[in-house]
Amino acid sequence: MSRRLMAGAVATATSLALVAIAPTGPSNAAPAATTEYTVVAEDGVAADAAVAAITAAGGTVVARNDGVGVFQVKSARTDFASRAAADTALVGAAQRRAIGHAPKVDVVEQENRLVNATGKAKGKGHSRTGLDPLDDKLWGLEMVRSDESRRKQPGDKGVTVGILDTGVDASHPDLAPNFSTRLSRNFAPDLTDIDGPCEVASCLDPVGTDDGGHGTHVAGTIGAAVNGFGVSGVAPNVTLVELKGGQDSGYFFLEPVVNALTYAGDAGIDVVNMSFYVDPWLYNCLDNSADNAAAKAEQRAILRAMTRALTYAHLRGVTLVGALGNEHTDLGNPLPDASSPDYGAPAYTRQIDNDACWSMPSEGPFVIGVSSLGPSGKKSDFSNYGTEQISVSAPGGWFRDGFGTPSFQTDANMILSTYPLHVLQEEGLVDEAGNITPAGEGAVFKECKAGKCAYYTYLQGTSMASPHAAGVASLIVSEFGARDRHRGGLTLEPWKVENQLLRTAAEHACPEPRLQTYTNEGRPAEFNATCEGGTNFNGFYGYGVVDAYAAVTANPRWGARP
């Protein structure tokens, strides 16, 4: 039975959990210090009715998103959460706390830095062609044939791609030409307890900044400009829009992410890339026997709130693309989860029921799930997979690709893209004078032109695969979209974008033998993966490897949704 959730079903999430706790205290509990909560209304409850219920429970609404029934609330009552949960108009309330993150300094995404510290070779580039100086290192562009597609369709400025991530460094010379300050928004004010001191008095960083680096890397893969400088992206002429839904520290909260998704729908954003996953639960389950009542309520509330946000964006023309995750697991037959909750409480082991637990947002409604490949075309050892969740595959890098050859464990097996200078300095890869340090040598590149310098680094992960697919999706809108008479630019229904993306992907059969082992690469047996399905569709490659050239040259057939 498929676990992919459709609109109307309990579905997905991307950030801060909402805790619905059963009533435990008296209704006349004494007031306490003011606490902030995020509250979700029940399905079908009008916004004003939800506000009335919140007020009756002892809360004050300070911000509201009526489109999806999510409210920011303050209350001085110690029993506010239990009172809110007891009201049939509300799903529940949660103190605003961090539970989601985009991998920042991550053992998967930055595996090369751990190995290179022991003296491993750095490696050279794989690609043979390119328009910008560092494109010879972008083997991913060649794999998805965007080096060919741009002769036909390099992307249209009227197509907007939202980077729902940690921000975008718009000062980067490869991103500045395509960045829209007008459309970009920061939905995630800095929180000093997790982000450190605020950089500005308001604690709301101006758009065009990224203190995490992850979003800037994603943005470069999608749409770095062809300008004779650094690298170029899959769709080098599209417009990039920052949708900052994550904190500087890499954490994500429900309210900023919901607001980012609903804004994307209202603003006419064409494609949104989501290269992050949900915490504190690797899987959000409806009724897992290992969970207590509060944990169950928390996960159910995540599913409810984010289903609405993803559906809201989809129904307003947003094509949603997401990373499948880096847990090396078949999402249709998941391994036990021993990592959740990974924030706020000790983790414990849970058996995962395939029919009642979901990994978010990749298994949410309308999300195109993307697995990761190395330069050899093999599934990256860390990449999640599975016929129930996967849509397509794309280059995400694999540091350990090429076993038995000089390319094994080299940086060049990963994905090179744009990165903020100050983050590289914080990570010790570039010094205060802007020079690459010994730790960054081979992993970081510096390009200077007309007195302006920019920096690039390698990362790997399904977070790097997803933007390749999002870039191709934006090329499809550029080639086949119609003028949006209401908001300007181009528009194309998401189901048509997905149809063309999947139909034109380069089919790739399962490896033989179908059991792919990674023992030569130094991985334990739990990394071994069996590929199920045929050439047309299977658990490693989905409908195939995204193909930018085929996507913009093949005549579309708007048939039934795949």
Protein backbone atom coordinates (compact mmCIF):
# COMPACT_ATOMS: atom_id res chain seq x y z
CA MET A 1 0.00 0.00 0.00
CA SER A 2 1.40 3.36 -0.95
CA ARG A 3 2.22 5.75 1.86
CA ARG A 4 2.33 8.83 -0.39
CA LEU A 5 -0.37 11.09 1.00
CA MET A 6 -2.81 12.93 -1.21
CA ALA A 7 -4.69 16.16 -0.58
CA GLY A 8 -7.33 15.75 2.09
CA ALA A 9 -5.50 12.96 3.87
CA VAL A 10 -3.41 13.47 6.96
CA ALA A 11 -0.04 14.37 5.47
CA THR A 12 3.22 16.18 5.61
CA ALA A 13 5.37 18.61 7.48
CA THR A 14 8.55 20.60 7.47
CA SER A 15 9.39 22.14 10.74
CA LEU A 16 8.13 22.96 14.19
CA ALA A 17 5.98 20.31 15.84
CA LEU A 18 2.68 21.24 17.38
CA VAL A 19 2.03 19.55 20.67
CA ALA A 20 -1.56 18.70 21.59
CA ILE A 21 -1.43 17.60 25.23
CA ALA A 22 -4.40 16.07 26.98
CA PRO A 23 -5.86 18.21 29.79
CA THR A 24 -4.06 17.54 33.07
CA GLY A 25 -4.49 20.62 35.24
CA PRO A 26 -7.38 22.62 36.63
CA SER A 27 -8.99 25.18 34.36
CA ASN A 28 -8.26 27.94 36.88
CA ALA A 29 -4.48 27.47 36.92
CA ALA A 30 -2.57 30.52 38.11
CA PRO A 31 -1.04 32.85 35.52
CA ALA A 32 2.67 32.48 34.72
CA ALA A 33 5.21 34.27 32.56
CA THR A 34 4.06 34.89 28.98
CA THR A 35 4.89 32.04 26.60
CA GLU A 36 4.66 31.93 22.79
CA TYR A 37 2.79 29.11 21.06
CA THR A 38 1.91 28.03 17.55
CA VAL A 39 -1.69 26.86 17.34
CA VAL A 40 -3.38 24.89 14.55
CA ALA A 41 -7.13 24.95 13.94
CA GLU A 42 -9.09 21.78 13.28
CA ASP A 43 -10.12 20.97 9.72
CA GLY A 44 -13.13 22.97 8.59
CA VAL A 45 -12.99 25.46 11.46
CA ALA A 46 -13.24 29.09 10.36
CA ALA A 47 -10.38 31.36 11.32
CA ASP A 48 -12.54 33.60 13.49
CA ALA A 49 -13.93 30.57 15.33
CA ALA A 50 -10.38 29.36 15.96
CA VAL A 51 -9.41 32.78 17.30
CA ALA A 52 -12.41 32.68 19.63
CA ALA A 53 -11.34 29.25 20.89
CA ILE A 54 -7.80 30.47 21.46
CA THR A 55 -9.10 33.46 23.41
CA ALA A 56 -11.33 31.24 25.51
CA ALA A 57 -8.34 29.03 26.32
CA GLY A 58 -6.49 32.06 27.64
CA GLY A 59 -4.37 33.02 24.62
CA THR A 60 -3.89 36.18 22.59
CA VAL A 61 -3.39 35.90 18.84
CA VAL A 62 -0.47 38.06 17.72
CA ALA A 63 -0.23 36.81 14.11
CA ARG A 64 -2.44 34.64 11.94
CA ASN A 65 -2.35 32.76 8.66
CA ASP A 66 -6.02 32.25 7.89
CA GLY A 67 -5.29 30.39 4.66
CA VAL A 68 -4.04 27.32 6.51
CA GLY A 69 -5.38 27.91 10.03
CA VAL A 70 -2.08 28.51 11.84
CA PHE A 71 -1.80 31.14 14.56
CA GLN A 72 0.98 32.69 16.61
CA VAL A 73 -0.25 33.03 20.18
CA LYS A 74 0.94 34.38 23.50
CA SER A 75 -0.42 33.25 26.83
CA ALA A 76 0.46 33.64 30.51
CA ARG A 77 -1.50 30.53 31.51
CA THR A 78 0.51 27.47 32.44
CA ASP A 79 -2.37 25.29 31.25
CA PHE A 80 -2.93 27.01 27.91
CA ALA A 81 -1.73 24.04 25.79
CA SER A 82 -4.03 21.58 27.55
CA ARG A 83 -6.99 23.97 27.35
CA ALA A 84 -6.37 24.50 23.63
CA ALA A 85 -6.15 20.75 23.01
CA ALA A 86 -9.42 20.20 24.85
CA ASP A 87 -11.27 22.57 22.52
CA THR A 88 -12.75 20.76 19.51
CA ALA A 89 -12.01 23.77 17.29
CA LEU A 90 -8.24 23.35 17.72
CA VAL A 91 -5.76 20.57 16.94
CA GLY A 92 -3.38 21.76 19.63
CA ALA A 93 -0.74 24.22 20.71
CA ALA A 94 3.01 24.06 21.08
CA GLN A 95 5.60 26.25 22.63
CA ARG A 96 7.67 27.74 19.84
CA ARG A 97 10.85 25.68 19.89
CA ALA A 98 13.27 24.40 17.29
CA ILE A 99 12.69 20.91 15.94
CA GLY A 100 13.65 21.00 12.25
CA HIS A 101 16.87 21.55 10.39
CA ALA A 102 18.60 21.64 7.08
CA PRO A 103 21.91 19.79 7.42
CA LYS A 104 24.57 22.46 7.99
CA VAL A 105 27.93 21.05 9.08
CA ASP A 106 26.78 17.51 8.39
CA VAL A 107 28.58 14.18 8.36
CA VAL A 108 26.88 13.31 5.07
CA GLU A 109 26.96 16.61 3.21
CA GLN A 110 30.51 17.46 4.30
CA GLU A 111 31.96 13.95 4.48
CA ASN A 112 34.93 15.05 2.39
CA ARG A 113 36.11 17.40 5.12
CA LEU A 114 36.31 14.59 7.65
CA VAL A 115 38.28 12.34 5.30
CA ASN A 116 40.44 15.08 3.82
CA ALA A 117 41.60 15.98 7.31
CA THR A 118 43.42 12.64 7.30
CA GLY A 119 45.28 13.47 4.07
CA LYS A 120 43.10 11.93 1.34
CA ALA A 121 43.47 13.20 -2.22
CA LYS A 122 41.32 16.14 -3.30
CA GLY A 123 40.68 15.11 -6.89
CA LYS A 124 39.94 16.94 -10.12
CA GLY A 125 36.79 17.70 -12.07
CA HIS A 126 34.72 15.20 -14.07
CA SER A 127 32.88 17.37 -16.61
CA ARG A 128 34.25 18.03 -20.08
CA THR A 129 32.21 21.04 -21.08
CA GLY A 130 31.07 24.33 -19.63
CA LEU A 131 30.45 28.00 -20.23
CA ASP A 132 31.85 29.46 -17.01
CA PRO A 133 35.38 28.88 -15.62
CA LEU A 134 34.47 26.27 -13.00
CA ASP A 135 31.85 24.43 -15.06
CA ASP A 136 34.39 21.71 -15.87
CA LYS A 137 33.85 20.57 -12.28
CA LEU A 138 30.05 20.44 -12.60
CA TRP A 139 29.57 16.87 -13.77
CA GLY A 140 25.96 17.19 -12.61
CA LEU A 141 25.18 19.70 -15.37
CA GLU A 142 26.44 17.22 -17.93
CA MET A 143 24.51 14.31 -16.38
CA VAL A 144 21.21 16.18 -16.63
CA ARG A 145 22.19 17.63 -20.03
CA SER A 146 21.64 21.22 -19.04
CA ASP A 147 24.83 22.06 -20.93
CA GLU A 148 22.82 21.14 -24.03
CA SER A 149 19.39 22.40 -22.99
CA ARG A 150 20.53 25.99 -22.54
CA ARG A 151 21.10 26.31 -26.28
CA LYS A 152 17.37 25.76 -26.66
CA GLN A 153 16.05 27.13 -23.38
CA PRO A 154 18.30 28.71 -20.69
CA GLY A 155 15.33 29.74 -18.60
CA ASP A 156 13.03 32.74 -18.67
CA LYS A 157 13.25 35.68 -16.28
CA GLY A 158 9.50 35.43 -15.94
CA VAL A 159 9.88 32.06 -14.16
CA THR A 160 10.46 32.26 -10.42
CA VAL A 161 12.09 29.57 -8.27
CA GLY A 162 11.70 29.80 -4.51
CA ILE A 163 14.61 28.64 -2.35
CA LEU A 164 12.88 27.59 0.88
CA ASP A 165 16.02 27.28 2.94
CA THR A 166 18.45 29.16 5.20
CA GLY A 167 18.57 32.22 2.92
CA VAL A 168 20.41 33.24 -0.25
CA ASP A 169 23.59 35.32 -0.45
CA ALA A 170 22.44 37.75 -3.15
CA SER A 171 25.79 39.56 -3.11
CA HIS A 172 27.42 36.54 -4.74
CA PRO A 173 28.33 37.53 -8.33
CA ASP A 174 26.83 34.33 -9.73
CA LEU A 175 23.49 34.88 -7.98
CA ALA A 176 23.08 38.66 -8.04
CA PRO A 177 22.05 38.85 -11.74
CA ASN A 178 19.10 36.49 -11.18
CA PHE A 179 18.03 37.44 -7.65
CA SER A 180 14.70 39.16 -7.01
CA THR A 181 14.84 41.40 -3.96
CA ARG A 182 11.26 42.50 -4.64
CA LEU A 183 9.81 39.02 -4.36
CA SER A 184 12.13 37.63 -1.67
CA ARG A 185 11.04 37.39 1.95
CA ASN A 186 12.52 36.40 5.29
CA PHE A 187 9.95 34.56 7.38
CA ALA A 188 12.36 33.47 10.13
CA PRO A 189 13.60 36.16 12.53
CA ASP A 190 16.80 35.29 14.38
CA LEU A 191 16.29 33.63 17.74
CA THR A 192 19.17 34.39 20.07
CA ASP A 193 18.95 31.12 21.98
CA ILE A 194 19.81 29.09 18.87
CA ASP A 195 21.15 31.62 16.33
CA GLY A 196 23.33 33.74 18.61
CA PRO A 197 23.26 37.54 18.75
CA CYS A 198 21.12 39.25 16.12
CA GLU A 199 23.03 40.89 13.27
CA VAL A 200 20.45 43.69 13.00
CA ALA A 201 18.35 45.48 15.61
CA SER A 202 15.08 43.96 14.39
CA CYS A 203 16.57 40.42 14.40
CA LEU A 204 15.05 40.00 10.92
CA ASP A 205 18.01 39.66 8.57
CA PRO A 206 17.54 41.56 5.32
CA VAL A 207 16.71 39.44 2.29
CA GLY A 208 19.73 38.46 0.26
CA THR A 209 21.73 37.18 3.22
CA ASP A 210 22.52 33.62 4.32
CA ASP A 211 24.27 32.86 7.59
CA GLY A 212 23.93 29.10 7.09
CA GLY A 213 25.25 28.56 3.55
CA HIS A 214 22.92 25.72 2.63
CA GLY A 215 20.41 27.87 0.75
CA THR A 216 23.12 29.66 -1.22
CA HIS A 217 24.55 26.31 -2.38
CA VAL A 218 21.09 25.17 -3.49
CA ALA A 219 20.43 28.45 -5.31
CA GLY A 220 23.65 28.19 -7.33
CA THR A 221 22.82 24.73 -8.62
CA ILE A 222 19.39 25.92 -9.73
CA GLY A 223 20.19 29.27 -11.27
CA ALA A 224 23.75 30.59 -11.12
CA ALA A 225 24.13 32.98 -14.06
CA VAL A 226 26.18 32.35 -17.20
CA ASN A 227 28.43 35.39 -16.87
CA GLY A 228 31.99 34.24 -17.46
CA PHE A 229 32.43 33.96 -13.71
CA GLY A 230 32.56 30.91 -11.44
CA VAL A 231 29.82 28.38 -12.20
CA SER A 232 26.51 28.28 -14.05
CA GLY A 233 23.27 26.65 -12.94
CA VAL A 234 20.84 24.22 -14.48
CA ALA A 235 18.55 27.12 -15.44
CA PRO A 236 20.90 30.12 -15.63
CA ASN A 237 18.30 32.71 -16.67
CA VAL A 238 15.43 32.05 -14.23
CA THR A 239 14.64 34.36 -11.34
CA LEU A 240 15.72 33.23 -7.86
CA VAL A 241 13.53 34.07 -4.88
CA GLU A 242 14.64 33.72 -1.29
CA LEU A 243 11.99 32.16 0.95
CA LYS A 244 13.87 32.08 4.24
CA GLY A 245 12.02 29.58 6.39
CA GLY A 246 15.01 28.32 8.36
CA GLN A 247 17.01 29.88 11.15
CA ASP A 248 20.66 30.89 10.75
CA SER A 249 21.51 27.84 12.85
CA GLY A 250 19.73 25.58 10.37
CA TYR A 251 16.60 24.94 12.43
CA PHE A 252 13.12 25.29 10.97
CA PHE A 253 9.92 26.37 12.71
CA LEU A 254 6.40 25.63 11.58
CA GLU A 255 5.15 29.19 11.34
CA PRO A 256 7.94 30.52 9.06
CA VAL A 257 7.72 27.49 6.77
CA VAL A 258 3.92 27.64 6.54
CA ASN A 259 4.11 31.36 5.84
CA ALA A 260 6.76 30.77 3.16
CA LEU A 261 4.65 28.16 1.38
CA THR A 262 1.45 30.18 1.50
CA TYR A 263 3.34 33.27 0.32
CA ALA A 264 4.76 31.25 -2.58
CA GLY A 265 1.22 30.41 -3.63
CA ASP A 266 -0.06 33.96 -3.24
CA ALA A 267 2.95 35.54 -5.00
CA GLY A 268 2.83 33.25 -8.02
CA ILE A 269 6.15 31.49 -7.41
CA ASP A 270 6.47 28.75 -10.06
CA VAL A 271 8.75 26.21 -8.37
CA VAL A 272 9.81 25.78 -4.73
CA ASN A 273 12.79 23.65 -3.74
CA MET A 274 12.73 22.03 -0.29
CA SER A 275 16.12 20.55 0.59
CA PHE A 276 15.43 19.85 4.24
CA TYR A 277 13.63 17.33 6.42
CA VAL A 278 11.46 17.30 9.52
CA ASP A 279 12.60 17.10 13.12
CA PRO A 280 12.33 15.95 15.81
CA TRP A 281 10.72 12.88 14.23
CA LEU A 282 12.47 11.14 11.37
CA TYR A 283 9.01 9.61 10.76
CA ASN A 284 5.78 11.23 11.83
CA CYS A 285 3.43 8.47 12.96
CA LEU A 286 -0.29 8.53 13.65
CA ASP A 287 -0.28 6.11 16.57
CA ASN A 288 3.09 4.49 17.27
CA SER A 289 2.98 2.25 20.33
CA ALA A 290 6.39 3.48 21.50
CA ASP A 291 5.20 7.09 21.67
CA ASN A 292 3.48 8.69 24.62
CA ALA A 293 0.30 10.72 24.23
CA ALA A 294 2.10 14.04 23.83
CA ALA A 295 4.45 12.66 21.16
CA LYS A 296 1.54 11.16 19.23
CA ALA A 297 -0.36 14.44 19.33
CA GLU A 298 2.74 16.34 18.24
CA GLN A 299 3.23 14.18 15.15
CA ARG A 300 -0.44 14.28 14.18
CA ALA A 301 -0.41 18.06 14.39
CA ILE A 302 2.68 18.25 12.16
CA LEU A 303 0.94 16.14 9.57
CA ARG A 304 -2.22 18.23 9.67
CA ALA A 305 -0.64 21.68 9.44
CA MET A 306 1.85 20.96 6.69
CA THR A 307 -0.65 19.09 4.55
CA ARG A 308 -2.57 22.32 4.32
CA ALA A 309 0.47 24.43 3.50
CA LEU A 310 1.72 22.14 0.71
CA THR A 311 -1.77 21.78 -0.72
CA TYR A 312 -2.34 25.53 -0.57
CA ALA A 313 0.83 26.18 -2.56
CA HIS A 314 0.13 23.43 -5.10
CA LEU A 315 -3.41 24.59 -5.80
CA ARG A 316 -2.06 28.06 -6.53
CA GLY A 317 0.40 26.88 -9.15
CA VAL A 318 3.56 26.02 -7.23
CA THR A 319 5.53 22.95 -8.33
CA LEU A 320 7.01 21.42 -5.15
CA VAL A 321 10.34 19.57 -5.30
CA GLY A 322 11.92 17.88 -2.28
CA ALA A 323 14.92 15.80 -1.23
CA LEU A 324 14.23 12.17 -0.29
CA GLY A 325 16.68 12.25 2.62
CA ASN A 326 20.09 10.88 3.53
CA GLU A 327 19.23 7.95 5.83
CA HIS A 328 20.14 5.16 3.33
CA THR A 329 16.75 3.51 3.77
CA ASP A 330 13.95 2.13 1.61
CA LEU A 331 11.16 4.50 2.54
CA GLY A 332 8.63 1.78 1.67
CA ASN A 333 10.22 -0.59 4.20
CA PRO A 334 11.89 1.70 6.73
CA LEU A 335 14.48 0.65 9.25
CA PRO A 336 13.70 1.09 12.95
CA ASP A 337 14.02 4.72 13.99
CA ALA A 338 16.49 5.20 16.83
CA SER A 339 17.16 8.90 16.21
CA SER A 340 13.84 10.46 17.20
CA PRO A 341 13.12 12.77 18.84
CA ASP A 342 16.40 14.41 17.93
CA TYR A 343 15.70 17.66 19.76
CA GLY A 344 14.26 18.50 23.15
CA ALA A 345 14.15 14.97 24.60
CA PRO A 346 16.22 11.76 24.56
CA ALA A 347 15.80 9.58 21.47
CA TYR A 348 14.37 6.08 21.74
CA THR A 349 13.88 3.20 19.32
CA ARG A 350 10.62 2.92 17.41
CA GLN A 351 9.48 0.29 14.94
CA ILE A 352 8.05 2.11 11.92
CA ASP A 353 4.71 1.05 10.48
CA ASN A 354 4.91 1.65 6.74
CA ASP A 355 1.18 2.37 6.53
CA ALA A 356 0.98 4.87 9.38
CA CYS A 357 4.28 6.79 9.42
CA TRP A 358 5.62 9.35 6.96
CA SER A 359 8.94 11.03 6.28
CA MET A 360 8.40 14.70 5.63
CA PRO A 361 8.10 16.60 3.37
CA SER A 362 9.16 14.12 0.69
CA GLU A 363 6.12 11.90 1.33
CA GLY A 364 3.70 14.79 1.51
CA PRO A 365 1.04 15.68 -1.05
CA PHE A 366 2.22 16.98 -4.42
CA VAL A 367 5.95 16.79 -3.59
CA ILE A 368 8.28 15.47 -6.31
CA GLY A 369 10.77 13.29 -4.41
CA VAL A 370 14.37 13.15 -5.65
CA SER A 371 17.09 10.57 -4.91
CA SER A 372 20.83 11.20 -5.22
CA LEU A 373 23.34 9.80 -7.72
CA GLY A 374 27.13 9.90 -7.90
CA PRO A 375 29.10 10.75 -11.05
CA SER A 376 29.14 7.07 -12.06
CA GLY A 377 25.32 7.08 -12.12
CA LYS A 378 25.10 4.77 -9.10
CA LYS A 379 22.75 5.55 -6.23
CA SER A 380 24.68 7.43 -3.56
CA ASP A 381 25.19 5.17 -0.57
CA PHE A 382 23.46 7.62 1.78
CA SER A 383 20.42 8.31 -0.43
CA ASN A 384 16.97 7.17 0.56
CA TYR A 385 15.03 5.30 -2.12
CA GLY A 386 11.89 3.22 -2.67
CA THR A 387 9.13 2.78 -5.25
CA GLU A 388 6.44 4.31 -3.04
CA GLN A 389 8.12 7.68 -2.61
CA ILE A 390 10.60 8.35 -5.40
CA SER A 391 9.72 10.41 -8.47
CA VAL A 392 13.06 10.99 -10.19
CA SER A 393 16.80 10.86 -9.54
CA ALA A 394 19.46 13.53 -10.01
CA PRO A 395 23.12 14.28 -9.30
CA GLY A 396 23.61 14.77 -5.57
CA GLY A 397 27.22 13.69 -5.29
CA TRP A 398 28.88 10.67 -3.72
CA PHE A 399 32.29 11.18 -2.16
CA ARG A 400 32.97 7.42 -2.16
CA ASP A 401 32.13 6.87 -5.83
CA GLY A 402 34.76 5.35 -8.10
CA PHE A 403 36.06 2.61 -5.81
CA GLY A 404 39.22 1.11 -7.31
CA THR A 405 39.99 4.24 -9.34
CA PRO A 406 41.90 7.46 -8.55
CA SER A 407 38.60 9.29 -8.12
CA PHE A 408 37.60 7.27 -5.04
CA GLN A 409 37.03 9.52 -2.02
CA THR A 410 37.74 12.76 -3.83
CA ASP A 411 35.96 16.08 -3.49
CA ALA A 412 35.25 16.16 -7.23
CA ASN A 413 32.68 13.38 -6.75
CA MET A 414 30.51 15.91 -4.93
CA ILE A 415 28.52 18.94 -6.07
CA LEU A 416 30.31 22.28 -6.39
CA SER A 417 28.20 25.41 -5.97
CA THR A 418 28.07 28.95 -4.64
CA TYR A 419 28.71 29.63 -0.94
CA PRO A 420 28.88 32.70 1.33
CA LEU A 421 32.38 33.92 2.20
CA HIS A 422 31.64 34.57 5.87
CA VAL A 423 30.33 31.05 6.41
CA LEU A 424 33.50 29.57 4.90
CA GLN A 425 35.47 31.81 7.24
CA GLU A 426 33.44 30.59 10.22
CA GLU A 427 34.15 27.01 9.15
CA GLY A 428 37.89 27.69 8.92
CA LEU A 429 38.15 27.07 5.18
CA VAL A 430 38.94 30.71 4.28
CA ASP A 431 40.93 33.14 6.43
CA GLU A 432 40.07 36.71 7.39
CA ALA A 433 41.99 38.05 4.37
CA GLY A 434 39.88 35.93 2.00
CA ASN A 435 42.56 33.35 1.29
CA ILE A 436 41.75 29.63 1.18
CA THR A 437 43.28 27.86 4.18
CA PRO A 438 45.04 24.49 4.05
CA ALA A 439 41.82 22.91 5.37
CA GLY A 440 39.91 24.38 2.45
CA GLU A 441 42.42 23.61 -0.28
CA GLY A 442 40.77 21.54 -3.00
CA ALA A 443 37.37 21.80 -1.31
CA VAL A 444 36.94 25.54 -1.84
CA PHE A 445 37.46 27.62 -4.98
CA LYS A 446 37.95 31.37 -5.24
CA GLU A 447 37.16 33.34 -8.39
CA CYS A 448 37.99 37.03 -8.81
CA LYS A 449 37.07 39.44 -11.59
CA ALA A 450 37.22 43.24 -11.73
CA GLY A 451 38.12 43.39 -8.05
CA LYS A 452 35.19 41.21 -6.97
CA CYS A 453 35.81 37.74 -5.54
CA ALA A 454 33.40 34.88 -4.96
CA TYR A 455 33.64 31.47 -3.34
CA TYR A 456 32.43 27.94 -4.08
CA THR A 457 32.54 24.68 -2.16
CA TYR A 458 31.57 21.01 -2.44
CA LEU A 459 28.62 19.41 -0.68
CA GLN A 460 26.77 16.13 -1.26
CA GLY A 461 23.31 14.86 -0.39
CA THR A 462 19.78 14.57 -1.66
CA SER A 463 19.74 18.28 -0.77
CA MET A 464 22.02 18.75 -3.77
CA ALA A 465 20.01 16.40 -6.02
CA SER A 466 16.70 18.17 -5.46
CA PRO A 467 17.85 21.54 -6.90
CA HIS A 468 18.96 19.82 -10.12
CA ALA A 469 15.37 18.59 -10.53
CA ALA A 470 13.93 21.96 -9.47
CA GLY A 471 16.10 23.63 -12.11
CA VAL A 472 14.76 21.32 -14.81
CA ALA A 473 11.21 21.98 -13.61
CA SER A 474 11.81 25.71 -14.04
CA LEU A 475 13.05 25.11 -17.60
CA ILE A 476 9.80 23.28 -18.36
CA VAL A 477 7.79 26.29 -17.17
CA SER A 478 10.09 28.54 -19.22
CA GLU A 479 9.52 26.53 -22.40
CA PHE A 480 5.84 25.62 -22.13
CA GLY A 481 4.36 28.12 -19.67
CA ALA A 482 1.75 30.71 -20.59
CA ARG A 483 1.74 34.35 -19.62
CA ASP A 484 0.20 34.93 -16.21
CA ARG A 485 -2.30 37.70 -16.84
CA HIS A 486 -2.78 38.38 -13.13
CA ARG A 487 0.76 38.45 -11.75
CA GLY A 488 2.98 38.68 -14.82
CA GLY A 489 5.69 36.27 -15.84
CA LEU A 490 4.94 32.70 -16.88
CA THR A 491 2.83 30.01 -15.31
CA LEU A 492 2.22 26.30 -15.87
CA GLU A 493 0.03 23.97 -13.84
CA PRO A 494 2.16 21.86 -11.47
CA TRP A 495 0.73 18.57 -12.70
CA LYS A 496 1.84 19.45 -16.22
CA VAL A 497 5.34 20.32 -15.00
CA GLU A 498 5.55 17.02 -13.16
CA ASN A 499 4.18 15.10 -16.13
CA GLN A 500 6.86 16.52 -18.46
CA LEU A 501 9.62 16.12 -15.88
CA LEU A 502 8.85 12.45 -15.26
CA ARG A 503 8.02 11.58 -18.86
CA THR A 504 11.29 12.97 -20.23
CA ALA A 505 13.59 11.66 -17.49
CA ALA A 506 16.25 9.31 -18.86
CA GLU A 507 15.13 5.80 -17.96
CA HIS A 508 17.68 3.84 -15.96
CA ALA A 509 17.34 0.15 -15.16
CA CYS A 510 18.19 -1.32 -11.78
CA PRO A 511 21.79 -2.49 -11.38
CA GLU A 512 22.57 -6.17 -11.77
CA PRO A 513 22.65 -7.78 -9.32
CA ARG A 514 19.78 -5.77 -7.93
CA LEU A 515 21.28 -5.90 -4.45
CA GLN A 516 23.68 -2.96 -4.40
CA THR A 517 26.35 -3.41 -1.76
CA TYR A 518 28.60 -0.67 -0.40
CA THR A 519 31.06 -2.78 1.57
CA ASN A 520 33.95 -1.89 -0.76
CA GLU A 521 33.25 1.75 0.00
CA GLY A 522 33.54 1.02 3.72
CA ARG A 523 29.88 0.95 4.64
CA PRO A 524 28.23 -1.56 7.01
CA ALA A 525 25.61 -4.03 5.75
CA GLU A 526 22.69 -1.76 6.66
CA PHE A 527 23.67 0.46 3.70
CA ASN A 528 23.05 -2.39 1.24
CA ALA A 529 20.04 -1.62 -0.94
CA THR A 530 17.83 -3.69 -3.24
CA CYS A 531 16.46 -1.99 -6.34
CA GLU A 532 12.86 -2.96 -7.12
CA GLY A 533 10.94 -2.21 -10.30
CA GLY A 534 11.59 -2.15 -14.04
CA THR A 535 13.44 0.08 -16.44
CA ASN A 536 10.53 2.51 -16.76
CA PHE A 537 10.25 3.00 -13.00
CA ASN A 538 12.19 1.65 -10.04
CA GLY A 539 13.15 2.47 -6.48
CA PHE A 540 16.65 3.83 -7.20
CA TYR A 541 15.97 6.06 -10.20
CA GLY A 542 12.20 6.61 -10.16
CA TYR A 543 11.06 7.45 -13.68
CA GLY A 544 14.70 8.16 -14.53
CA VAL A 545 17.46 10.73 -14.26
CA VAL A 546 16.12 14.24 -14.88
CA ASP A 547 17.00 15.35 -18.41
CA ALA A 548 16.92 19.07 -19.08
CA TYR A 549 17.43 18.79 -22.82
CA ALA A 550 14.66 16.23 -23.32
CA ALA A 551 12.39 18.21 -21.01
CA VAL A 552 12.52 21.32 -23.19
CA THR A 553 12.65 19.64 -26.62
CA ALA A 554 10.11 16.80 -26.31
CA ASN A 555 6.56 17.72 -27.27
CA PRO A 556 4.47 17.66 -24.09
CA ARG A 557 1.60 15.24 -23.72
CA TRP A 558 -0.66 16.50 -21.00
CA GLY A 559 -2.14 13.16 -20.13
CA ALA A 560 -3.16 11.85 -16.75
CA ARG A 561 -1.04 12.71 -13.76
CA PRO A 562 1.71 10.01 -13.42
